[in-house]
Amino acid sequence: MDPRLIELYVQRGRLRERIGSQRSQVARDLAPLGRALAGVDRARAGWHQAKRWIVAHPVAVTAGMVALLVWQPRRVFRAVRWGYVSWHQWARVRQWLSDGIKTL
């Protein structure tokens, strides 16, 4: 067999070993990120489940909101204001990030 071909096969084997070790290293390094993303996935699933429940039970949600508004109007308005400000700030951050990524 051609010595050059043998050398290429040996080099190919070394490269495959190196690739395998790099893959395992990346998997170890990204394990914490995988756990964090699993938590995000669970939170999103809970959010979607709550949203489905709210859509399926509009009368109960409306009755609860009216009861809160009648018994504790200050808390309701404070929560609504906080929610609006938070949403507005989040929209500004998203726009800022979007503009920053476009400039890269």
C-alpha atoms as a PDB file:
ATOM      1  CA  MET A   1       0.000   0.000   0.000  1.00  0.00           C
ATOM      2  CA  ASP A   2       1.160   3.522  -0.719  1.00  0.00           C
ATOM      3  CA  PRO A   3       2.925   5.090   2.306  1.00  0.00           C
ATOM      4  CA  ARG A   4       1.261   8.422   1.572  1.00  0.00           C
ATOM      5  CA  LEU A   5      -2.156   6.803   1.695  1.00  0.00           C
ATOM      6  CA  ILE A   6      -1.282   5.094   4.979  1.00  0.00           C
ATOM      7  CA  GLU A   7      -0.193   8.458   6.412  1.00  0.00           C
ATOM      8  CA  LEU A   8      -3.499  10.017   5.315  1.00  0.00           C
ATOM      9  CA  TYR A   9      -5.461   7.227   7.035  1.00  0.00           C
ATOM     10  CA  VAL A  10      -3.442   7.703  10.233  1.00  0.00           C
ATOM     11  CA  GLN A  11      -3.981  11.458  10.084  1.00  0.00           C
ATOM     12  CA  ARG A  12      -7.699  10.897   9.496  1.00  0.00           C
ATOM     13  CA  GLY A  13      -7.865   8.654  12.568  1.00  0.00           C
ATOM     14  CA  ARG A  14      -6.132  11.274  14.709  1.00  0.00           C
ATOM     15  CA  LEU A  15      -8.500  13.953  13.468  1.00  0.00           C
ATOM     16  CA  ARG A  16     -11.512  11.786  14.282  1.00  0.00           C
ATOM     17  CA  GLU A  17     -10.195  11.186  17.804  1.00  0.00           C
ATOM     18  CA  ARG A  18      -9.644  14.898  18.274  1.00  0.00           C
ATOM     19  CA  ILE A  19     -13.129  15.694  16.968  1.00  0.00           C
ATOM     20  CA  GLY A  20     -14.637  13.151  19.358  1.00  0.00           C
ATOM     21  CA  SER A  21     -12.835  14.624  22.360  1.00  0.00           C
ATOM     22  CA  GLN A  22     -13.863  18.146  21.328  1.00  0.00           C
ATOM     23  CA  ARG A  23     -17.501  17.070  21.036  1.00  0.00           C
ATOM     24  CA  SER A  24     -17.464  15.550  24.504  1.00  0.00           C
ATOM     25  CA  GLN A  25     -15.804  18.695  25.897  1.00  0.00           C
ATOM     26  CA  VAL A  26     -18.468  20.919  24.328  1.00  0.00           C
ATOM     27  CA  ALA A  27     -21.197  18.657  25.717  1.00  0.00           C
ATOM     28  CA  ARG A  28     -19.693  18.953  29.220  1.00  0.00           C
ATOM     29  CA  ASP A  29     -19.304  22.726  28.900  1.00  0.00           C
ATOM     30  CA  LEU A  30     -22.879  23.235  27.710  1.00  0.00           C
ATOM     31  CA  ALA A  31     -24.565  20.971  30.281  1.00  0.00           C
ATOM     32  CA  PRO A  32     -25.451  23.873  32.642  1.00  0.00           C
ATOM     33  CA  LEU A  33     -26.963  25.760  29.723  1.00  0.00           C
ATOM     34  CA  GLY A  34     -29.070  22.729  28.879  1.00  0.00           C
ATOM     35  CA  ARG A  35     -30.419  22.606  32.428  1.00  0.00           C
ATOM     36  CA  ALA A  36     -31.230  26.329  32.335  1.00  0.00           C
ATOM     37  CA  LEU A  37     -32.988  26.004  29.005  1.00  0.00           C
ATOM     38  CA  ALA A  38     -34.990  23.064  30.362  1.00  0.00           C
ATOM     39  CA  GLY A  39     -36.209  25.373  33.126  1.00  0.00           C
ATOM     40  CA  VAL A  40     -37.193  27.969  30.549  1.00  0.00           C
ATOM     41  CA  ASP A  41     -39.066  25.301  28.594  1.00  0.00           C
ATOM     42  CA  ARG A  42     -40.987  24.292  31.732  1.00  0.00           C
ATOM     43  CA  ALA A  43     -41.874  27.931  32.452  1.00  0.00           C
ATOM     44  CA  ARG A  44     -43.089  28.454  28.883  1.00  0.00           C
ATOM     45  CA  ALA A  45     -45.188  25.291  29.079  1.00  0.00           C
ATOM     46  CA  GLY A  46     -46.745  26.553  32.321  1.00  0.00           C
ATOM     47  CA  TRP A  47     -47.436  29.920  30.729  1.00  0.00           C
ATOM     48  CA  HIS A  48     -49.138  28.298  27.742  1.00  0.00           C
ATOM     49  CA  GLN A  49     -51.186  26.070  30.022  1.00  0.00           C
ATOM     50  CA  ALA A  50     -52.312  29.112  32.055  1.00  0.00           C
ATOM     51  CA  LYS A  51     -53.175  30.948  28.851  1.00  0.00           C
ATOM     52  CA  ARG A  52     -55.280  28.016  27.650  1.00  0.00           C
ATOM     53  CA  TRP A  53     -57.088  27.925  30.998  1.00  0.00           C
ATOM     54  CA  ILE A  54     -57.799  31.662  30.850  1.00  0.00           C
ATOM     55  CA  VAL A  55     -59.210  31.332  27.332  1.00  0.00           C
ATOM     56  CA  ALA A  56     -61.302  28.318  28.369  1.00  0.00           C
ATOM     57  CA  HIS A  57     -62.713  30.040  31.497  1.00  0.00           C
ATOM     58  CA  PRO A  58     -63.344  33.728  30.648  1.00  0.00           C
ATOM     59  CA  VAL A  59     -66.235  34.074  33.108  1.00  0.00           C
ATOM     60  CA  ALA A  60     -64.124  32.986  36.076  1.00  0.00           C
ATOM     61  CA  VAL A  61     -61.282  35.298  35.071  1.00  0.00           C
ATOM     62  CA  THR A  62     -63.656  38.232  34.611  1.00  0.00           C
ATOM     63  CA  ALA A  63     -65.349  37.579  37.956  1.00  0.00           C
ATOM     64  CA  GLY A  64     -61.963  37.434  39.678  1.00  0.00           C
ATOM     65  CA  MET A  65     -60.824  40.678  38.094  1.00  0.00           C
ATOM     66  CA  VAL A  66     -64.069  42.455  39.005  1.00  0.00           C
ATOM     67  CA  ALA A  67     -63.790  41.191  42.593  1.00  0.00           C
ATOM     68  CA  LEU A  68     -60.221  42.471  42.853  1.00  0.00           C
ATOM     69  CA  LEU A  69     -61.179  45.782  41.326  1.00  0.00           C
ATOM     70  CA  VAL A  70     -64.080  46.241  43.757  1.00  0.00           C
ATOM     71  CA  TRP A  71     -62.247  45.119  46.924  1.00  0.00           C
ATOM     72  CA  GLN A  72     -58.746  46.461  46.276  1.00  0.00           C
ATOM     73  CA  PRO A  73     -58.729  49.026  43.473  1.00  0.00           C
ATOM     74  CA  ARG A  74     -55.388  50.583  44.467  1.00  0.00           C
ATOM     75  CA  ARG A  75     -53.563  47.266  44.216  1.00  0.00           C
ATOM     76  CA  VAL A  76     -55.148  46.530  40.859  1.00  0.00           C
ATOM     77  CA  PHE A  77     -54.201  49.908  39.409  1.00  0.00           C
ATOM     78  CA  ARG A  78     -50.687  49.645  40.862  1.00  0.00           C
ATOM     79  CA  ALA A  79     -50.273  46.183  39.325  1.00  0.00           C
ATOM     80  CA  VAL A  80     -51.597  47.384  35.974  1.00  0.00           C
ATOM     81  CA  ARG A  81     -49.238  50.359  36.018  1.00  0.00           C
ATOM     82  CA  TRP A  82     -46.291  48.116  36.980  1.00  0.00           C
ATOM     83  CA  GLY A  83     -47.197  45.690  34.209  1.00  0.00           C
ATOM     84  CA  TYR A  84     -47.427  48.456  31.625  1.00  0.00           C
ATOM     85  CA  VAL A  85     -44.103  49.987  32.656  1.00  0.00           C
ATOM     86  CA  SER A  86     -42.426  46.567  32.626  1.00  0.00           C
ATOM     87  CA  TRP A  87     -43.826  45.744  29.213  1.00  0.00           C
ATOM     88  CA  HIS A  88     -42.744  49.141  27.861  1.00  0.00           C
ATOM     89  CA  GLN A  89     -39.211  48.737  29.228  1.00  0.00           C
ATOM     90  CA  TRP A  90     -38.978  45.217  27.802  1.00  0.00           C
ATOM     91  CA  ALA A  91     -40.035  46.538  24.396  1.00  0.00           C
ATOM     92  CA  ARG A  92     -37.312  49.188  24.597  1.00  0.00           C
ATOM     93  CA  VAL A  93     -34.675  46.607  25.566  1.00  0.00           C
ATOM     94  CA  ARG A  94     -35.729  44.341  22.689  1.00  0.00           C
ATOM     95  CA  GLN A  95     -35.506  47.262  20.260  1.00  0.00           C
ATOM     96  CA  TRP A  96     -32.083  48.215  21.633  1.00  0.00           C
ATOM     97  CA  LEU A  97     -30.834  44.633  21.286  1.00  0.00           C
ATOM     98  CA  SER A  98     -32.279  44.358  17.785  1.00  0.00           C
ATOM     99  CA  ASP A  99     -30.557  47.573  16.730  1.00  0.00           C
ATOM    100  CA  GLY A 100     -27.292  46.430  18.313  1.00  0.00           C
ATOM    101  CA  ILE A 101     -27.367  43.105  16.487  1.00  0.00           C
ATOM    102  CA  LYS A 102     -28.124  44.781  13.156  1.00  0.00           C
ATOM    103  CA  THR A 103     -25.055  47.005  13.508  1.00  0.00           C
ATOM    104  CA  LEU A 104     -22.778  43.981  13.935  1.00  0.00           C
END
